[in-house]
Amino acid sequence: MLRTLTAISLLFLSSAFARAQPGVQQFNVDLAASGLLPVTWASDSPALVHLGFDLKFGLEYDSAISVPVRLEIGYIRSSASRVSRLGELYKAWEGLRVDLLSGYDFAPRPIGRWGSLVFGILGGGAITAADYSSTALAYAYPSLILEPRVALNQRVGKGSAQGPWLAAPMELMFRAGTRTLAPGLGLGWRYRLGAAF
């Protein structure tokens, strides 16, 4: 599963600037919040579950079916993990992050006066500057991301739209001698210029 996530994320990211499609091109901005359920493990330590969340501001440029590039700036926080039977735990952490993603949006599906639904999938990577909560220990770590999503586009004027979107990100973090796999569920609001219906 980890190899598959890595391969798909790198494939999306490596082609980020190579898929601009002719036709309608769109510029999107959005705000989002996600709940996370990170699972951390190390080579000589057990896998333990945390609770976490992140907040993100996104800037995206896409064309008819592809998303050549998406940039996100955000904040992430995770609680300490649960305690193992042997008394081990992983510390809480928080940090600021930058994500670079790429992917595809499938054709919009009209839903009457509500507008249209757009299903898509993104992949890419992130870099996070983090510290362990209540300590002076700082570090940075890379991660890989795979994110299916669905957005509701509601027309608000000629050539523009807005609406909520829902995503289910999966992130693999390479953190300071450990690995963390963090599935999540995110909800955001997007404003889209040059929307196609």
N, C-alpha and C. Protein backbone atom coordinates (compact mmCIF):
# COMPACT_ATOMS: atom_id res chain seq x y z
N MET A 1 0.83 -1.21 0.00
CA MET A 1 0.00 0.00 0.00
C MET A 1 0.86 1.26 0.00
N LEU A 2 1.94 1.27 0.82
CA LEU A 2 2.81 2.43 0.89
C LEU A 2 3.53 2.66 -0.44
N ARG A 3 3.98 1.56 -1.08
CA ARG A 3 4.63 1.70 -2.37
C ARG A 3 3.68 2.24 -3.42
N THR A 4 2.44 1.78 -3.38
CA THR A 4 1.44 2.27 -4.33
C THR A 4 1.18 3.75 -4.14
N LEU A 5 0.99 4.19 -2.88
CA LEU A 5 0.78 5.61 -2.60
C LEU A 5 1.95 6.45 -3.07
N THR A 6 3.17 5.98 -2.81
CA THR A 6 4.37 6.70 -3.24
C THR A 6 4.43 6.83 -4.75
N ALA A 7 4.19 5.73 -5.46
CA ALA A 7 4.28 5.73 -6.92
C ALA A 7 3.23 6.65 -7.54
N ILE A 8 2.00 6.58 -7.06
CA ILE A 8 0.94 7.40 -7.63
C ILE A 8 1.20 8.88 -7.36
N SER A 9 1.60 9.23 -6.13
CA SER A 9 1.86 10.63 -5.80
C SER A 9 2.98 11.20 -6.65
N LEU A 10 4.07 10.45 -6.82
CA LEU A 10 5.19 10.93 -7.62
C LEU A 10 4.80 11.07 -9.10
N LEU A 11 3.96 10.16 -9.59
CA LEU A 11 3.51 10.25 -10.97
C LEU A 11 2.71 11.52 -11.21
N PHE A 12 1.78 11.83 -10.30
CA PHE A 12 1.00 13.06 -10.43
C PHE A 12 1.90 14.28 -10.38
N LEU A 13 2.81 14.32 -9.41
CA LEU A 13 3.65 15.50 -9.23
C LEU A 13 4.62 15.70 -10.38
N SER A 14 5.19 14.62 -10.90
CA SER A 14 6.19 14.74 -11.96
C SER A 14 5.62 15.31 -13.25
N SER A 15 4.29 15.17 -13.45
CA SER A 15 3.68 15.69 -14.67
C SER A 15 2.88 16.95 -14.42
N ALA A 16 3.17 17.65 -13.34
CA ALA A 16 2.36 18.79 -12.92
C ALA A 16 2.26 19.89 -13.97
N PHE A 17 3.33 20.16 -14.69
CA PHE A 17 3.33 21.26 -15.62
C PHE A 17 3.20 20.82 -17.07
N ALA A 18 2.88 19.55 -17.30
CA ALA A 18 2.92 19.03 -18.67
C ALA A 18 1.56 18.73 -19.26
N ARG A 19 0.45 19.06 -18.55
CA ARG A 19 -0.83 18.59 -19.02
C ARG A 19 -1.84 19.70 -19.27
N ALA A 20 -1.43 20.89 -19.48
CA ALA A 20 -2.39 21.96 -19.74
C ALA A 20 -3.21 21.62 -20.97
N GLN A 21 -4.53 21.64 -20.84
CA GLN A 21 -5.42 21.27 -21.93
C GLN A 21 -5.94 22.53 -22.62
N PRO A 22 -6.21 22.47 -23.91
CA PRO A 22 -6.81 23.61 -24.57
C PRO A 22 -8.24 23.79 -24.09
N GLY A 23 -8.76 25.01 -24.26
CA GLY A 23 -10.14 25.27 -23.89
C GLY A 23 -10.21 26.10 -22.62
N VAL A 24 -11.27 25.87 -21.85
CA VAL A 24 -11.52 26.66 -20.66
C VAL A 24 -10.42 26.43 -19.62
N GLN A 25 -9.87 27.52 -19.10
CA GLN A 25 -8.87 27.46 -18.05
C GLN A 25 -9.41 28.21 -16.85
N GLN A 26 -9.14 27.70 -15.68
CA GLN A 26 -9.82 28.18 -14.48
C GLN A 26 -8.82 28.44 -13.36
N PHE A 27 -9.14 29.39 -12.54
CA PHE A 27 -8.30 29.76 -11.41
C PHE A 27 -9.17 29.65 -10.16
N ASN A 28 -8.72 28.88 -9.16
CA ASN A 28 -9.51 28.62 -7.96
C ASN A 28 -8.76 29.03 -6.71
N VAL A 29 -9.49 29.53 -5.74
CA VAL A 29 -8.95 29.75 -4.40
C VAL A 29 -9.90 29.08 -3.41
N ASP A 30 -9.37 28.55 -2.29
CA ASP A 30 -10.25 27.88 -1.33
C ASP A 30 -9.63 27.86 0.05
N LEU A 31 -10.48 27.63 1.03
CA LEU A 31 -10.11 27.41 2.42
C LEU A 31 -10.67 26.07 2.84
N ALA A 32 -9.92 25.32 3.66
CA ALA A 32 -10.37 23.99 4.05
C ALA A 32 -9.85 23.62 5.43
N ALA A 33 -10.59 22.73 6.07
CA ALA A 33 -10.17 22.13 7.35
C ALA A 33 -10.38 20.63 7.25
N SER A 34 -9.46 19.87 7.83
CA SER A 34 -9.54 18.41 7.78
C SER A 34 -9.32 17.80 9.16
N GLY A 35 -10.06 16.76 9.45
CA GLY A 35 -9.76 15.93 10.61
C GLY A 35 -8.88 14.78 10.17
N LEU A 36 -7.88 14.44 10.98
CA LEU A 36 -6.90 13.42 10.62
C LEU A 36 -6.85 12.32 11.67
N LEU A 37 -6.48 11.14 11.24
CA LEU A 37 -6.28 10.01 12.14
C LEU A 37 -4.90 9.40 11.86
N PRO A 38 -3.82 10.10 12.24
CA PRO A 38 -2.47 9.62 11.92
C PRO A 38 -2.13 8.35 12.69
N VAL A 39 -1.39 7.46 12.03
CA VAL A 39 -0.84 6.25 12.65
C VAL A 39 0.67 6.31 12.47
N THR A 40 1.42 6.32 13.59
CA THR A 40 2.88 6.44 13.54
C THR A 40 3.53 5.13 13.97
N TRP A 41 4.65 4.80 13.32
CA TRP A 41 5.42 3.62 13.70
C TRP A 41 6.90 3.87 13.42
N ALA A 42 7.75 3.06 14.01
CA ALA A 42 9.19 3.09 13.76
C ALA A 42 9.67 1.64 13.67
N SER A 43 10.91 1.46 13.24
CA SER A 43 11.41 0.11 13.01
C SER A 43 11.42 -0.74 14.28
N ASP A 44 11.63 -0.10 15.42
CA ASP A 44 11.70 -0.85 16.68
C ASP A 44 10.60 -0.46 17.66
N SER A 45 9.52 0.16 17.14
CA SER A 45 8.42 0.62 18.01
C SER A 45 7.09 0.27 17.36
N PRO A 46 6.04 0.16 18.17
CA PRO A 46 4.74 -0.25 17.63
C PRO A 46 4.05 0.88 16.87
N ALA A 47 3.04 0.52 16.10
CA ALA A 47 2.19 1.49 15.41
C ALA A 47 1.14 1.99 16.39
N LEU A 48 1.05 3.31 16.55
CA LEU A 48 0.12 3.91 17.51
C LEU A 48 -0.65 5.04 16.84
N VAL A 49 -1.89 5.23 17.29
CA VAL A 49 -2.82 6.17 16.65
C VAL A 49 -2.81 7.52 17.39
N HIS A 50 -2.87 8.60 16.60
CA HIS A 50 -3.04 9.97 17.10
C HIS A 50 -4.41 10.49 16.67
N LEU A 51 -4.74 11.69 17.11
CA LEU A 51 -5.82 12.49 16.56
C LEU A 51 -5.21 13.80 16.08
N GLY A 52 -5.68 14.33 14.94
CA GLY A 52 -5.09 15.55 14.43
C GLY A 52 -6.04 16.32 13.53
N PHE A 53 -5.58 17.48 13.10
CA PHE A 53 -6.34 18.29 12.15
C PHE A 53 -5.37 19.17 11.37
N ASP A 54 -5.84 19.69 10.24
CA ASP A 54 -5.08 20.71 9.53
C ASP A 54 -6.01 21.76 8.95
N LEU A 55 -5.45 22.93 8.72
CA LEU A 55 -6.14 24.06 8.10
C LEU A 55 -5.31 24.50 6.90
N LYS A 56 -5.97 24.75 5.76
CA LYS A 56 -5.22 25.05 4.54
C LYS A 56 -5.88 26.16 3.73
N PHE A 57 -5.01 26.93 3.07
CA PHE A 57 -5.42 27.86 2.02
C PHE A 57 -4.88 27.32 0.71
N GLY A 58 -5.75 27.18 -0.30
CA GLY A 58 -5.34 26.59 -1.56
C GLY A 58 -5.47 27.55 -2.73
N LEU A 59 -4.54 27.42 -3.67
CA LEU A 59 -4.53 28.20 -4.90
C LEU A 59 -4.30 27.21 -6.04
N GLU A 60 -5.21 27.21 -7.01
CA GLU A 60 -5.19 26.14 -8.03
C GLU A 60 -5.45 26.71 -9.42
N TYR A 61 -4.70 26.18 -10.37
CA TYR A 61 -4.92 26.51 -11.78
C TYR A 61 -5.23 25.22 -12.51
N ASP A 62 -6.36 25.20 -13.22
CA ASP A 62 -6.68 23.99 -13.97
C ASP A 62 -7.22 24.33 -15.34
N SER A 63 -7.31 23.30 -16.16
CA SER A 63 -7.85 23.45 -17.51
C SER A 63 -9.05 22.53 -17.63
N ALA A 64 -9.40 22.14 -18.86
CA ALA A 64 -10.66 21.44 -19.08
C ALA A 64 -10.81 20.18 -18.23
N ILE A 65 -9.76 19.34 -18.15
CA ILE A 65 -9.88 18.13 -17.35
C ILE A 65 -8.74 17.95 -16.36
N SER A 66 -7.65 18.71 -16.53
CA SER A 66 -6.51 18.48 -15.67
C SER A 66 -6.30 19.62 -14.70
N VAL A 67 -5.55 19.34 -13.64
CA VAL A 67 -5.12 20.34 -12.67
C VAL A 67 -3.59 20.37 -12.75
N PRO A 68 -3.02 21.19 -13.65
CA PRO A 68 -1.57 21.18 -13.80
C PRO A 68 -0.82 21.51 -12.51
N VAL A 69 -1.37 22.41 -11.71
CA VAL A 69 -0.66 22.75 -10.48
C VAL A 69 -1.64 23.28 -9.42
N ARG A 70 -1.41 22.84 -8.18
CA ARG A 70 -2.17 23.32 -7.03
C ARG A 70 -1.17 23.56 -5.89
N LEU A 71 -1.24 24.73 -5.28
CA LEU A 71 -0.37 25.09 -4.17
C LEU A 71 -1.22 25.27 -2.91
N GLU A 72 -0.80 24.67 -1.81
CA GLU A 72 -1.50 24.81 -0.54
C GLU A 72 -0.51 25.28 0.54
N ILE A 73 -0.97 26.17 1.39
CA ILE A 73 -0.21 26.60 2.56
C ILE A 73 -1.07 26.31 3.78
N GLY A 74 -0.51 25.65 4.79
CA GLY A 74 -1.38 25.23 5.88
C GLY A 74 -0.67 25.05 7.21
N TYR A 75 -1.49 24.69 8.18
CA TYR A 75 -1.06 24.41 9.55
C TYR A 75 -1.56 23.03 9.93
N ILE A 76 -0.72 22.22 10.54
CA ILE A 76 -1.11 20.88 10.96
C ILE A 76 -0.78 20.69 12.44
N ARG A 77 -1.64 19.97 13.12
CA ARG A 77 -1.40 19.68 14.54
C ARG A 77 -1.87 18.26 14.82
N SER A 78 -1.10 17.54 15.62
CA SER A 78 -1.46 16.18 16.01
C SER A 78 -1.24 16.01 17.51
N SER A 79 -2.15 15.32 18.15
CA SER A 79 -2.00 15.02 19.57
C SER A 79 -0.92 13.96 19.77
N ALA A 80 -0.53 13.76 21.01
CA ALA A 80 0.31 12.60 21.33
C ALA A 80 -0.47 11.34 21.01
N SER A 81 0.24 10.29 20.67
CA SER A 81 -0.43 9.02 20.36
C SER A 81 -0.99 8.38 21.63
N ARG A 82 -1.79 7.37 21.43
CA ARG A 82 -2.20 6.58 22.58
C ARG A 82 -0.98 5.86 23.14
N VAL A 83 -1.04 5.41 24.36
CA VAL A 83 0.08 4.75 25.02
C VAL A 83 0.02 3.24 24.75
N SER A 84 1.16 2.66 24.39
CA SER A 84 1.20 1.22 24.13
C SER A 84 1.15 0.44 25.45
N ARG A 85 1.02 -0.87 25.34
CA ARG A 85 0.99 -1.71 26.54
C ARG A 85 2.29 -1.65 27.33
N LEU A 86 3.38 -1.26 26.66
CA LEU A 86 4.68 -1.15 27.33
C LEU A 86 4.98 0.27 27.79
N GLY A 87 3.99 1.15 27.67
CA GLY A 87 4.18 2.52 28.14
C GLY A 87 4.81 3.46 27.13
N GLU A 88 4.92 3.05 25.86
CA GLU A 88 5.51 3.89 24.83
C GLU A 88 4.45 4.79 24.20
N LEU A 89 4.90 5.97 23.75
CA LEU A 89 4.02 6.84 22.98
C LEU A 89 4.86 7.72 22.08
N TYR A 90 4.20 8.32 21.06
CA TYR A 90 4.85 9.29 20.20
C TYR A 90 4.34 10.67 20.58
N LYS A 91 5.25 11.64 20.63
CA LYS A 91 4.91 12.99 21.08
C LYS A 91 3.94 13.68 20.13
N ALA A 92 3.21 14.66 20.68
CA ALA A 92 2.40 15.54 19.85
C ALA A 92 3.31 16.44 19.02
N TRP A 93 2.83 16.87 17.86
CA TRP A 93 3.60 17.81 17.05
C TRP A 93 2.66 18.76 16.32
N GLU A 94 3.24 19.87 15.84
CA GLU A 94 2.51 20.84 15.03
C GLU A 94 3.48 21.50 14.08
N GLY A 95 2.96 22.08 13.00
CA GLY A 95 3.87 22.69 12.05
C GLY A 95 3.16 23.46 10.95
N LEU A 96 3.95 24.19 10.18
CA LEU A 96 3.50 24.92 9.00
C LEU A 96 3.98 24.17 7.77
N ARG A 97 3.15 24.13 6.73
CA ARG A 97 3.45 23.26 5.60
C ARG A 97 3.14 23.94 4.27
N VAL A 98 3.82 23.45 3.23
CA VAL A 98 3.55 23.86 1.85
C VAL A 98 3.37 22.58 1.04
N ASP A 99 2.26 22.49 0.30
CA ASP A 99 1.95 21.33 -0.53
C ASP A 99 1.98 21.73 -2.00
N LEU A 100 2.48 20.86 -2.86
CA LEU A 100 2.42 21.04 -4.30
C LEU A 100 1.78 19.79 -4.90
N LEU A 101 0.63 19.98 -5.57
CA LEU A 101 -0.16 18.86 -6.06
C LEU A 101 -0.49 19.04 -7.54
N SER A 102 -0.93 17.94 -8.14
CA SER A 102 -1.36 17.93 -9.52
C SER A 102 -2.40 16.82 -9.67
N GLY A 103 -3.24 16.88 -10.71
CA GLY A 103 -4.21 15.81 -10.85
C GLY A 103 -5.21 16.04 -11.96
N TYR A 104 -6.37 15.41 -11.83
CA TYR A 104 -7.42 15.47 -12.84
C TYR A 104 -8.77 15.78 -12.19
N ASP A 105 -9.57 16.58 -12.90
CA ASP A 105 -10.99 16.74 -12.59
C ASP A 105 -11.77 16.08 -13.70
N PHE A 106 -12.72 15.23 -13.34
CA PHE A 106 -13.57 14.59 -14.34
C PHE A 106 -14.65 15.57 -14.80
N ALA A 107 -15.34 15.22 -15.87
CA ALA A 107 -16.35 16.12 -16.45
C ALA A 107 -17.42 16.47 -15.41
N PRO A 108 -17.84 17.75 -15.35
CA PRO A 108 -18.89 18.14 -14.40
C PRO A 108 -20.18 17.37 -14.64
N ARG A 109 -20.86 17.06 -13.54
CA ARG A 109 -22.16 16.37 -13.63
C ARG A 109 -23.25 17.33 -13.17
N PRO A 110 -24.09 17.84 -14.11
CA PRO A 110 -25.14 18.79 -13.72
C PRO A 110 -26.13 18.17 -12.74
N ILE A 111 -26.54 18.96 -11.75
CA ILE A 111 -27.56 18.50 -10.79
C ILE A 111 -28.65 19.57 -10.66
N GLY A 112 -29.19 19.96 -11.81
CA GLY A 112 -30.29 20.92 -11.83
C GLY A 112 -29.86 22.30 -11.36
N ARG A 113 -30.74 22.96 -10.63
CA ARG A 113 -30.47 24.34 -10.22
C ARG A 113 -29.37 24.44 -9.16
N TRP A 114 -28.93 23.30 -8.62
CA TRP A 114 -27.85 23.31 -7.63
C TRP A 114 -26.50 23.61 -8.26
N GLY A 115 -26.37 23.40 -9.57
CA GLY A 115 -25.09 23.62 -10.24
C GLY A 115 -24.56 22.32 -10.80
N SER A 116 -23.33 21.96 -10.46
CA SER A 116 -22.74 20.73 -10.97
C SER A 116 -21.77 20.15 -9.95
N LEU A 117 -21.63 18.81 -9.99
CA LEU A 117 -20.65 18.12 -9.16
C LEU A 117 -19.42 17.82 -10.00
N VAL A 118 -18.25 18.03 -9.42
CA VAL A 118 -17.00 17.74 -10.10
C VAL A 118 -16.19 16.79 -9.23
N PHE A 119 -15.92 15.59 -9.75
CA PHE A 119 -15.09 14.61 -9.05
C PHE A 119 -13.67 14.74 -9.57
N GLY A 120 -12.70 14.58 -8.67
CA GLY A 120 -11.31 14.68 -9.09
C GLY A 120 -10.39 13.90 -8.19
N ILE A 121 -9.13 13.83 -8.59
CA ILE A 121 -8.11 13.17 -7.77
C ILE A 121 -6.80 13.94 -7.92
N LEU A 122 -6.12 14.13 -6.80
CA LEU A 122 -4.85 14.87 -6.77
C LEU A 122 -3.77 14.00 -6.16
N GLY A 123 -2.54 14.26 -6.55
CA GLY A 123 -1.39 13.61 -5.93
C GLY A 123 -0.23 14.57 -5.92
N GLY A 124 0.71 14.37 -5.00
CA GLY A 124 1.87 15.25 -4.95
C GLY A 124 2.63 15.10 -3.65
N GLY A 125 3.26 16.18 -3.23
CA GLY A 125 4.09 16.12 -2.03
C GLY A 125 3.98 17.39 -1.22
N ALA A 126 4.59 17.35 -0.02
CA ALA A 126 4.57 18.49 0.89
C ALA A 126 5.86 18.52 1.68
N ILE A 127 6.18 19.70 2.20
CA ILE A 127 7.27 19.86 3.14
C ILE A 127 6.71 20.60 4.35
N THR A 128 7.01 20.11 5.54
CA THR A 128 6.47 20.69 6.78
C THR A 128 7.61 21.05 7.72
N ALA A 129 7.55 22.26 8.25
CA ALA A 129 8.46 22.69 9.32
C ALA A 129 7.71 22.52 10.63
N ALA A 130 8.16 21.61 11.49
CA ALA A 130 7.38 21.21 12.66
C ALA A 130 8.20 21.26 13.93
N ASP A 131 7.50 21.18 15.04
CA ASP A 131 8.17 20.99 16.33
C ASP A 131 7.30 20.11 17.20
N TYR A 132 7.94 19.46 18.16
CA TYR A 132 7.19 18.68 19.13
C TYR A 132 6.58 19.62 20.15
N SER A 133 5.28 19.48 20.41
CA SER A 133 4.58 20.39 21.30
C SER A 133 5.22 20.42 22.67
N SER A 134 5.31 21.64 23.23
CA SER A 134 5.87 21.87 24.57
C SER A 134 7.35 21.54 24.67
N THR A 135 8.05 21.55 23.54
CA THR A 135 9.50 21.34 23.54
C THR A 135 10.14 22.37 22.60
N ALA A 136 11.46 22.42 22.61
CA ALA A 136 12.20 23.28 21.69
C ALA A 136 12.77 22.48 20.52
N LEU A 137 12.33 21.26 20.35
CA LEU A 137 12.84 20.38 19.29
C LEU A 137 12.10 20.66 17.98
N ALA A 138 12.84 21.19 17.00
CA ALA A 138 12.26 21.52 15.70
C ALA A 138 12.87 20.63 14.62
N TYR A 139 12.12 20.36 13.59
CA TYR A 139 12.60 19.53 12.49
C TYR A 139 11.72 19.80 11.27
N ALA A 140 12.13 19.30 10.14
CA ALA A 140 11.34 19.38 8.91
C ALA A 140 11.19 17.99 8.33
N TYR A 141 10.08 17.75 7.66
CA TYR A 141 9.88 16.43 7.06
C TYR A 141 9.11 16.54 5.75
N PRO A 142 9.41 15.66 4.79
CA PRO A 142 8.65 15.59 3.55
C PRO A 142 7.50 14.59 3.68
N SER A 143 6.55 14.70 2.79
CA SER A 143 5.46 13.72 2.76
C SER A 143 4.91 13.59 1.35
N LEU A 144 4.19 12.50 1.11
CA LEU A 144 3.50 12.23 -0.14
C LEU A 144 2.00 12.21 0.11
N ILE A 145 1.23 12.71 -0.87
CA ILE A 145 -0.21 12.90 -0.67
C ILE A 145 -0.97 12.32 -1.86
N LEU A 146 -2.08 11.65 -1.56
CA LEU A 146 -3.05 11.22 -2.56
C LEU A 146 -4.42 11.65 -2.06
N GLU A 147 -5.19 12.38 -2.90
CA GLU A 147 -6.42 13.01 -2.41
C GLU A 147 -7.56 12.96 -3.42
N PRO A 148 -8.50 12.03 -3.27
CA PRO A 148 -9.73 12.11 -4.05
C PRO A 148 -10.64 13.19 -3.47
N ARG A 149 -11.45 13.81 -4.34
CA ARG A 149 -12.29 14.91 -3.87
C ARG A 149 -13.52 15.05 -4.75
N VAL A 150 -14.53 15.75 -4.22
CA VAL A 150 -15.72 16.11 -4.99
C VAL A 150 -16.13 17.52 -4.59
N ALA A 151 -16.47 18.33 -5.59
CA ALA A 151 -16.83 19.73 -5.34
C ALA A 151 -18.20 20.01 -5.95
N LEU A 152 -18.96 20.89 -5.28
CA LEU A 152 -20.22 21.38 -5.81
C LEU A 152 -19.99 22.80 -6.31
N ASN A 153 -20.14 23.01 -7.62
CA ASN A 153 -19.97 24.34 -8.21
C ASN A 153 -21.34 25.00 -8.37
N GLN A 154 -21.52 26.15 -7.75
CA GLN A 154 -22.76 26.91 -7.85
C GLN A 154 -22.44 28.23 -8.54
N ARG A 155 -23.13 28.51 -9.64
CA ARG A 155 -22.85 29.73 -10.40
C ARG A 155 -23.23 30.96 -9.58
N VAL A 156 -22.33 31.95 -9.53
CA VAL A 156 -22.61 33.20 -8.81
C VAL A 156 -22.49 34.41 -9.72
N GLY A 157 -22.12 34.24 -10.94
CA GLY A 157 -21.98 35.33 -11.89
C GLY A 157 -21.40 34.80 -13.17
N LYS A 158 -21.35 35.65 -14.19
CA LYS A 158 -20.82 35.21 -15.48
C LYS A 158 -19.37 34.77 -15.34
N GLY A 159 -19.11 33.51 -15.68
CA GLY A 159 -17.76 33.00 -15.66
C GLY A 159 -17.20 32.70 -14.29
N SER A 160 -18.01 32.65 -13.25
CA SER A 160 -17.49 32.34 -11.92
C SER A 160 -18.45 31.43 -11.18
N ALA A 161 -17.93 30.76 -10.15
CA ALA A 161 -18.76 29.85 -9.36
C ALA A 161 -18.12 29.71 -7.99
N GLN A 162 -18.92 29.21 -7.06
CA GLN A 162 -18.40 28.92 -5.74
C GLN A 162 -19.14 27.71 -5.20
N GLY A 163 -18.64 27.16 -4.11
CA GLY A 163 -19.34 26.03 -3.51
C GLY A 163 -18.44 25.22 -2.60
N PRO A 164 -19.06 24.30 -1.85
CA PRO A 164 -18.29 23.47 -0.92
C PRO A 164 -17.63 22.31 -1.64
N TRP A 165 -16.60 21.75 -1.04
CA TRP A 165 -16.00 20.54 -1.55
C TRP A 165 -15.61 19.63 -0.39
N LEU A 166 -15.55 18.35 -0.70
CA LEU A 166 -15.25 17.31 0.29
C LEU A 166 -14.08 16.49 -0.24
N ALA A 167 -13.09 16.21 0.61
CA ALA A 167 -11.91 15.45 0.19
C ALA A 167 -11.59 14.38 1.22
N ALA A 168 -10.92 13.33 0.76
CA ALA A 168 -10.47 12.25 1.65
C ALA A 168 -8.97 12.04 1.44
N PRO A 169 -8.14 12.95 1.97
CA PRO A 169 -6.69 12.85 1.73
C PRO A 169 -6.05 11.67 2.47
N MET A 170 -5.01 11.14 1.87
CA MET A 170 -4.16 10.12 2.49
C MET A 170 -2.73 10.60 2.36
N GLU A 171 -2.04 10.75 3.50
CA GLU A 171 -0.70 11.32 3.49
C GLU A 171 0.29 10.40 4.19
N LEU A 172 1.43 10.20 3.55
CA LEU A 172 2.53 9.43 4.13
C LEU A 172 3.64 10.40 4.51
N MET A 173 3.92 10.52 5.82
CA MET A 173 4.90 11.47 6.33
C MET A 173 6.18 10.74 6.75
N PHE A 174 7.32 11.31 6.35
CA PHE A 174 8.63 10.75 6.71
C PHE A 174 9.21 11.62 7.83
N ARG A 175 8.82 11.33 9.06
CA ARG A 175 9.09 12.22 10.18
C ARG A 175 10.20 11.69 11.08
N ALA A 176 11.33 12.34 11.11
CA ALA A 176 12.38 12.19 12.13
C ALA A 176 12.50 10.78 12.71
N GLY A 177 12.86 9.82 11.88
CA GLY A 177 13.06 8.46 12.35
C GLY A 177 11.81 7.63 12.47
N THR A 178 10.66 8.19 12.11
CA THR A 178 9.40 7.47 12.15
C THR A 178 8.69 7.64 10.81
N ARG A 179 7.63 6.89 10.63
CA ARG A 179 6.73 7.05 9.50
C ARG A 179 5.33 7.25 10.06
N THR A 180 4.56 8.13 9.40
CA THR A 180 3.18 8.37 9.81
C THR A 180 2.30 8.30 8.58
N LEU A 181 1.26 7.48 8.63
CA LEU A 181 0.25 7.42 7.59
C LEU A 181 -1.00 8.08 8.14
N ALA A 182 -1.46 9.14 7.47
CA ALA A 182 -2.55 9.97 8.02
C ALA A 182 -3.72 10.05 7.06
N PRO A 183 -4.72 9.17 7.20
CA PRO A 183 -5.96 9.35 6.45
C PRO A 183 -6.76 10.49 7.07
N GLY A 184 -7.57 11.15 6.25
CA GLY A 184 -8.34 12.28 6.78
C GLY A 184 -9.63 12.48 6.01
N LEU A 185 -10.41 13.43 6.51
CA LEU A 185 -11.65 13.85 5.85
C LEU A 185 -11.70 15.37 5.93
N GLY A 186 -11.76 16.03 4.76
CA GLY A 186 -11.69 17.48 4.73
C GLY A 186 -12.92 18.11 4.12
N LEU A 187 -13.24 19.31 4.59
CA LEU A 187 -14.36 20.09 4.07
C LEU A 187 -13.86 21.50 3.79
N GLY A 188 -14.18 22.03 2.62
CA GLY A 188 -13.70 23.36 2.27
C GLY A 188 -14.72 24.13 1.46
N TRP A 189 -14.36 25.38 1.18
CA TRP A 189 -15.18 26.25 0.34
C TRP A 189 -14.30 26.83 -0.76
N ARG A 190 -14.75 26.71 -1.99
CA ARG A 190 -13.94 27.10 -3.14
C ARG A 190 -14.63 28.19 -3.93
N TYR A 191 -13.85 29.15 -4.40
CA TYR A 191 -14.32 30.16 -5.34
C TYR A 191 -13.59 29.95 -6.65
N ARG A 192 -14.34 29.81 -7.71
CA ARG A 192 -13.76 29.44 -9.02
C ARG A 192 -14.07 30.50 -10.05
N LEU A 193 -13.05 30.96 -10.75
CA LEU A 193 -13.20 31.88 -11.86
C LEU A 193 -13.16 31.10 -13.16
N GLY A 194 -13.93 31.52 -14.14
CA GLY A 194 -13.94 30.84 -15.43
C GLY A 194 -14.57 29.47 -15.35
N ALA A 195 -15.61 29.30 -14.52
CA ALA A 195 -16.22 28.00 -14.31
C ALA A 195 -16.96 27.51 -15.54
N ALA A 196 -16.88 26.19 -15.80
CA ALA A 196 -17.60 25.58 -16.92
C ALA A 196 -18.78 24.79 -16.40
N PHE A 197 -19.95 24.97 -17.00
CA PHE A 197 -21.16 24.21 -16.61
C PHE A 197 -21.73 23.50 -17.82
